[in-house]
Protein backbone atom coordinates (compact mmCIF):
# COMPACT_ATOMS: atom_id res chain seq x y z
CA MET A 1 -32.29 -44.22 54.50
CA GLU A 2 -32.34 -41.13 56.66
CA LEU A 3 -30.68 -43.01 59.37
CA LEU A 4 -27.92 -43.88 56.98
CA ALA A 5 -27.44 -40.55 55.77
CA LEU A 6 -27.24 -39.27 59.43
CA ALA A 7 -24.72 -42.07 60.08
CA LEU A 8 -22.52 -41.11 57.23
CA LEU A 9 -22.72 -37.61 58.12
CA LEU A 10 -21.64 -38.29 61.77
CA LEU A 11 -18.79 -40.42 60.51
CA LEU A 12 -17.43 -37.45 58.24
CA LEU A 13 -17.65 -35.03 60.99
CA SER A 14 -15.94 -37.44 63.34
CA THR A 15 -13.17 -37.90 60.75
CA GLN A 16 -12.64 -34.34 60.32
CA HIS A 17 -12.38 -33.90 64.09
CA SER A 18 -9.98 -36.50 64.35
CA ARG A 19 -7.82 -35.03 61.72
CA LEU A 20 -8.11 -31.49 63.41
CA LEU A 21 -7.16 -33.11 66.66
CA TRP A 22 -4.19 -34.92 65.33
CA ASN A 23 -2.81 -31.72 63.61
CA LEU A 24 -3.48 -29.94 67.22
CA LEU A 25 -1.22 -32.42 68.78
CA ASP A 26 1.19 -32.57 66.18
CA SER A 27 1.51 -28.73 66.53
CA CYS A 28 1.62 -29.30 70.53
CA ASP A 29 4.45 -31.68 70.19
CA VAL A 30 6.39 -29.29 67.89
CA ILE A 31 6.04 -26.39 70.22
CA LEU A 32 6.94 -28.36 73.26
CA THR A 33 10.06 -29.86 71.50
CA SER A 34 10.99 -26.06 70.74
CA ILE A 35 10.50 -25.12 74.28
CA ASP A 36 12.69 -28.12 75.57
CA ASN A 37 15.46 -27.16 72.85
CA CYS A 38 15.73 -23.82 74.06
CA ALA A 39 15.52 -24.68 77.71
CA SER A 40 18.41 -27.18 76.97
CA LEU A 41 20.17 -24.41 75.19
CA ALA A 42 19.71 -21.95 77.87
CA TYR A 43 21.00 -24.50 80.51
CA HIS A 44 24.08 -25.65 78.61
CA SER A 45 25.10 -22.11 77.10
CA PRO A 46 27.97 -20.78 78.90
CA ARG A 47 27.17 -17.81 81.37
CA GLU A 48 28.83 -14.66 80.08
CA VAL A 49 31.75 -13.46 82.72
CA ASP A 50 32.05 -9.85 82.42
CA ASN A 51 34.82 -8.52 84.77
CA PRO A 52 36.28 -5.82 82.77
CA ARG A 53 39.89 -4.57 84.02
CA PHE A 54 40.59 -1.75 81.34
CA LYS A 55 38.44 0.71 79.35
CA PRO A 56 39.89 1.03 75.88
CA PRO A 57 40.44 4.38 74.21
CA ALA A 58 37.30 6.14 72.31
CA LEU A 59 38.73 5.03 68.76
CA TRP A 60 39.77 1.42 69.69
CA PRO A 61 41.23 -0.29 68.30
CA PRO A 62 43.35 1.81 65.96
CA LYS A 63 44.84 -0.74 63.73
CA GLY A 64 42.88 -4.09 63.94
CA GLY A 65 45.59 -6.62 64.46
CA LEU A 66 44.64 -9.87 65.96
CA LEU A 67 46.59 -12.90 67.82
CA PHE A 68 45.30 -15.96 69.06
CA GLN A 69 47.98 -17.80 71.30
CA ASP A 70 47.40 -21.51 72.41
CA VAL A 71 43.89 -21.05 72.70
CA PHE A 72 41.42 -23.88 73.92
CA ALA A 73 37.84 -23.12 73.85
CA SER A 74 34.18 -24.85 74.22
CA MET A 75 30.66 -23.82 74.66
CA SER A 76 30.66 -24.20 78.26
CA VAL A 77 33.08 -24.60 81.08
CA ASP A 78 32.13 -28.29 81.61
CA GLN A 79 32.53 -29.41 78.02
CA GLU A 80 35.57 -30.49 76.33
CA PRO A 81 37.20 -27.99 74.16
CA GLN A 82 35.81 -27.93 70.50
CA LEU A 83 38.78 -25.88 69.46
CA ARG A 84 42.55 -26.86 70.47
CA ASN A 85 45.78 -25.14 70.39
CA ILE A 86 44.48 -22.53 68.07
CA THR A 87 47.58 -20.18 67.50
CA PHE A 88 47.57 -17.69 64.55
CA SER A 89 47.61 -13.78 63.85
CA VAL A 90 46.16 -11.48 61.63
CA LYS A 91 47.95 -8.38 60.43
CA PRO A 92 46.02 -4.91 60.19
CA GLY A 93 44.33 -4.33 56.96
CA THR A 94 44.50 -8.16 55.61
CA LYS A 95 42.08 -10.71 54.73
CA ILE A 96 42.00 -14.12 56.23
CA GLY A 97 39.78 -16.72 55.05
CA VAL A 98 38.70 -19.66 57.81
CA GLY A 99 37.51 -22.90 56.34
CA SER A 100 37.04 -26.61 57.50
CA SER A 101 35.28 -29.76 56.62
CA GLN A 102 31.76 -30.09 57.99
CA ASN A 103 31.99 -29.92 61.74
CA GLY A 104 35.63 -29.18 61.42
CA GLY A 105 35.57 -26.09 63.78
CA LYS A 106 35.37 -22.88 61.55
CA ASN A 107 31.76 -21.95 63.00
CA PHE A 108 33.34 -21.65 66.54
CA ILE A 109 35.63 -18.86 65.37
CA VAL A 110 32.92 -16.36 65.30
CA PRO A 111 31.69 -16.88 68.86
CA LEU A 112 35.26 -17.09 69.93
CA ILE A 113 36.06 -13.56 68.58
CA PHE A 114 33.09 -12.35 70.40
CA ARG A 115 33.61 -13.88 73.47
CA SER A 116 30.93 -16.51 73.52
CA LEU A 117 32.68 -19.29 74.33
CA HIS A 118 34.59 -20.32 77.27
CA VAL A 119 38.30 -20.17 77.05
CA HIS A 120 40.03 -22.86 79.13
CA ASN A 121 43.51 -21.71 78.27
CA GLY A 122 45.22 -19.31 75.96
CA ASP A 123 45.03 -15.56 74.94
CA ILE A 124 42.95 -13.34 72.57
CA LYS A 125 44.42 -10.07 71.75
CA ILE A 126 43.29 -7.08 69.68
CA ASP A 127 46.14 -4.37 69.07
CA ASP A 128 48.05 -6.00 72.20
CA TRP A 129 44.94 -5.60 74.18
CA ASP A 130 43.81 -8.93 76.10
CA THR A 131 40.21 -9.00 74.91
CA GLN A 132 39.19 -10.90 78.35
CA SER A 133 40.41 -7.77 80.16
CA LEU A 134 37.54 -5.62 78.36
CA SER A 135 33.96 -5.56 79.16
CA LEU A 136 31.77 -7.31 76.58
CA GLU A 137 30.10 -4.12 75.41
CA ASP A 138 33.43 -2.57 74.82
CA LEU A 139 34.65 -5.78 72.79
CA ARG A 140 31.53 -6.39 70.84
CA LYS A 141 30.87 -2.60 69.84
CA SER A 142 34.32 -2.43 68.46
CA ILE A 143 34.01 -5.14 65.97
CA GLY A 144 31.79 -5.29 62.73
CA PHE A 145 29.87 -8.51 61.98
CA VAL A 146 28.02 -9.56 58.72
CA PRO A 147 26.11 -12.64 59.36
CA THR A 148 25.08 -15.33 56.82
CA ASP A 149 21.47 -14.00 57.14
CA PRO A 150 21.23 -10.66 58.41
CA PRO A 151 18.28 -9.79 60.20
CA VAL A 152 16.09 -6.54 59.56
CA PHE A 153 14.02 -4.93 62.00
CA LYS A 154 10.64 -3.07 62.05
CA GLY A 155 11.07 0.27 60.87
CA SER A 156 12.45 2.47 58.05
CA VAL A 157 15.65 1.63 56.07
CA ARG A 158 17.30 4.43 57.73
CA TYR A 159 16.36 3.01 61.15
CA ASN A 160 18.00 -0.13 60.14
CA LEU A 161 21.10 1.45 59.17
CA ASP A 162 21.27 3.96 62.05
CA PRO A 163 19.13 2.96 65.02
CA ILE A 164 20.68 5.85 67.33
CA GLU A 165 20.78 8.54 64.51
CA LYS A 166 24.52 9.05 64.41
CA PHE A 167 24.53 9.88 60.98
CA THR A 168 23.37 12.36 58.30
CA ASP A 169 21.38 11.47 55.46
CA GLU A 170 24.29 12.33 53.26
CA GLU A 171 26.59 9.89 54.92
CA ILE A 172 23.85 7.16 54.71
CA TRP A 173 23.20 7.59 51.05
CA ALA A 174 27.22 7.68 50.29
CA ALA A 175 27.45 4.39 52.24
CA LEU A 176 24.40 2.73 50.22
CA GLU A 177 26.09 4.04 46.75
CA THR A 178 29.29 2.42 47.59
CA VAL A 179 27.50 -0.94 48.32
CA SER A 180 25.34 -0.25 45.31
CA LEU A 181 22.00 -0.08 46.85
CA LYS A 182 21.48 3.77 46.24
CA ASP A 183 19.48 3.52 43.27
CA TYR A 184 17.29 0.39 44.57
CA ILE A 185 16.61 2.44 47.98
CA THR A 186 15.79 5.66 45.89
CA GLU A 187 13.03 3.92 44.08
CA LEU A 188 11.26 2.64 47.27
CA PRO A 189 8.32 4.58 48.31
CA GLY A 190 9.83 7.08 50.81
CA GLY A 191 13.30 6.31 50.19
CA LEU A 192 15.26 6.10 53.41
CA GLN A 193 12.08 6.33 55.34
CA SER A 194 10.72 3.43 53.60
CA ASP A 195 9.71 0.36 55.77
CA ASP A 196 9.64 -2.21 53.17
CA VAL A 197 12.81 -3.81 54.69
CA TYR A 198 11.15 -7.01 54.86
CA SER A 199 11.10 -7.38 51.09
CA PHE A 200 14.87 -7.38 50.73
CA ASP A 201 16.43 -10.61 49.78
CA ARG A 202 19.36 -12.19 51.84
CA GLU A 203 21.98 -10.73 49.47
CA SER A 204 20.46 -7.11 49.65
CA ARG A 205 20.41 -7.38 53.72
CA ARG A 206 24.17 -8.42 53.58
CA LEU A 207 24.83 -5.29 51.40
CA LEU A 208 22.86 -3.17 53.84
CA SER A 209 24.99 -4.76 56.86
CA LEU A 210 28.12 -3.87 54.80
CA ALA A 211 26.97 -0.49 54.58
CA MET A 212 26.63 -0.15 58.31
CA MET A 213 30.38 -1.51 58.60
CA ILE A 214 31.23 1.71 56.26
CA LEU A 215 29.31 3.95 58.38
CA ASN A 216 30.84 2.95 61.70
CA HIS A 217 34.29 2.66 60.32
CA PHE A 218 35.22 -0.73 61.99
CA ASN A 219 38.84 -1.62 61.93
CA ILE A 220 37.94 -5.28 62.32
CA ILE A 221 34.91 -6.79 60.23
CA VAL A 222 33.98 -10.64 60.52
CA VAL A 223 31.99 -11.97 57.61
CA GLU A 224 30.15 -15.22 57.35
CA GLU A 225 29.57 -16.55 53.76
CA PRO A 226 26.44 -18.21 52.79
CA LYS A 227 26.36 -21.84 51.89
CA VAL A 228 23.92 -20.90 48.90
CA ILE A 229 24.08 -17.94 46.85
CA SER A 230 20.79 -16.73 45.81
CA ASN A 231 21.94 -13.36 43.61
CA THR A 232 25.35 -13.53 41.91
CA GLU A 233 25.31 -9.92 40.93
CA LEU A 234 24.97 -8.78 44.68
CA LEU A 235 27.41 -11.19 45.69
CA ASN A 236 30.20 -9.81 43.37
CA ALA A 237 29.20 -6.40 44.44
CA PHE A 238 29.33 -7.43 47.95
CA THR A 239 33.01 -8.77 47.37
CA LYS A 240 34.07 -5.75 45.66
CA VAL A 241 33.37 -3.55 48.58
CA LEU A 242 34.97 -6.07 50.78
CA ASP A 243 38.18 -6.23 48.77
CA GLU A 244 38.39 -2.56 47.27
CA ASP A 245 36.36 -0.10 49.62
CA LEU A 246 37.42 -1.92 52.77
CA SER A 247 40.94 -2.97 51.77
CA LYS A 248 42.33 -1.22 54.88
CA THR A 249 40.28 -2.78 57.26
CA THR A 250 41.04 -6.38 58.82
CA ARG A 251 38.65 -8.80 57.61
CA ILE A 252 37.94 -12.43 58.83
CA VAL A 253 35.90 -14.34 56.25
CA ILE A 254 34.33 -17.71 57.54
CA GLY A 255 34.11 -19.21 53.99
CA GLN A 256 32.14 -21.77 52.81
CA ARG A 257 33.31 -21.85 49.03
CA SER A 258 36.89 -22.82 48.13
CA ASP A 259 37.37 -19.54 45.69
CA THR A 260 36.22 -17.33 48.53
CA LEU A 261 39.19 -18.61 50.80
CA LEU A 262 41.50 -18.67 47.81
CA SER A 263 41.10 -14.94 47.37
CA CYS A 264 42.26 -14.08 50.78
CA ASP A 265 45.60 -13.04 51.91
CA THR A 266 45.72 -15.72 54.40
CA VAL A 267 44.03 -19.19 54.51
CA LEU A 268 43.34 -21.10 57.86
CA LEU A 269 42.10 -24.50 57.59
CA LEU A 270 40.66 -26.27 60.71
CA ASN A 271 40.25 -30.23 61.18
CA GLN A 272 38.50 -31.39 64.24
CA GLY A 273 39.03 -28.26 65.89
CA ARG A 274 42.75 -27.99 65.23
CA ILE A 275 44.71 -26.05 62.73
CA ALA A 276 45.31 -27.97 59.86
CA SER A 277 46.93 -25.64 57.36
CA LEU A 278 47.95 -21.81 57.99
CA GLY A 279 49.68 -19.53 55.48
CA THR A 280 49.50 -17.78 52.10
CA LYS A 281 48.59 -19.37 49.30
CA ALA A 282 52.28 -19.60 48.12
CA GLU A 283 53.42 -21.03 51.53
CA LEU A 284 50.51 -23.45 51.44
CA GLU A 285 51.34 -24.38 48.11
CA GLU A 286 55.01 -25.04 48.53
CA GLY A 287 54.46 -26.89 51.91
CA GLY A 288 52.46 -29.57 49.80
CA CYS A 289 49.52 -29.42 52.42
CA PRO A 290 47.08 -31.86 51.44
CA HIS A 291 44.26 -29.99 52.82
CA TYR A 292 45.18 -27.24 50.70
CA GLY A 293 45.54 -29.47 47.42
CA THR A 294 41.75 -30.57 48.01
CA LEU A 295 40.79 -26.77 48.28
CA ARG A 296 42.51 -26.03 44.86
CA ARG A 297 40.90 -28.96 43.37
CA ALA A 298 37.65 -27.81 44.61
CA SER A 299 38.18 -24.41 43.34
CA ARG A 300 38.89 -25.69 39.76
CA LEU A 301 35.51 -27.65 39.94
CA VAL A 302 33.80 -24.69 40.64
CA SER A 303 35.29 -22.34 38.16
CA SER A 304 34.87 -25.09 35.52
CA SER A 305 31.14 -25.67 36.10
């Protein structure tokens, strides 16, 4: 009887050890796959070429106008262009919405603006300055960016808004009030010095990023819209600031929702990396664009649901 109990105990321990070994092997497989993906991304990503020919003035760009002229671009020099024959302009102080079907090409617009893509052909200009002639640092520090899910960094609220301490507390509080975060942060233990930034939900972090845009007085802001809205009230606050308080800023919105695109001054729709439609709402409606018709129908479905 004792031998039987011992055998059962050894069998149970063996089973548990097998499960632990299986979980360990599974974890190793995930880690090795991640390493392989990172290595592949590093190998295939374009090497950033930085050969600046000009130094822009201190307050560049003064207006924020953009011009894309016959641009062909891809992730690396040896790939076929993911964007083809991209030609459009953005007037200073206007809002353009960029949309597409899945894999239609809109997600390449952000890296194109920040020179993270290889441009095979064409020109990209900001206030008549060729962006290829500027250093990456000068270009990227001159354009504001609000990603879909902004990161926060270890440190205080103030550090996340102003890591190099350019602004006074009064300026920071004013920016937070503009984006409707002043009351929330006032209630945190320590206020601006609170390090409870990891508790912010995504929409709050997006408002925090928008406060940074206000503090730095960017004349061009690129905004990525999230696919899923977690807080409608904060989304409305975000949209209000973007449309009212930043109305003189050039805004490029990578839209996920049809009503977001239709709220813009100009709508740019991509299909398979090419421009399918471009114009104001009135121009696209008069032209009978099928892509715009689909967008309008989707907007009606959203508003009626």
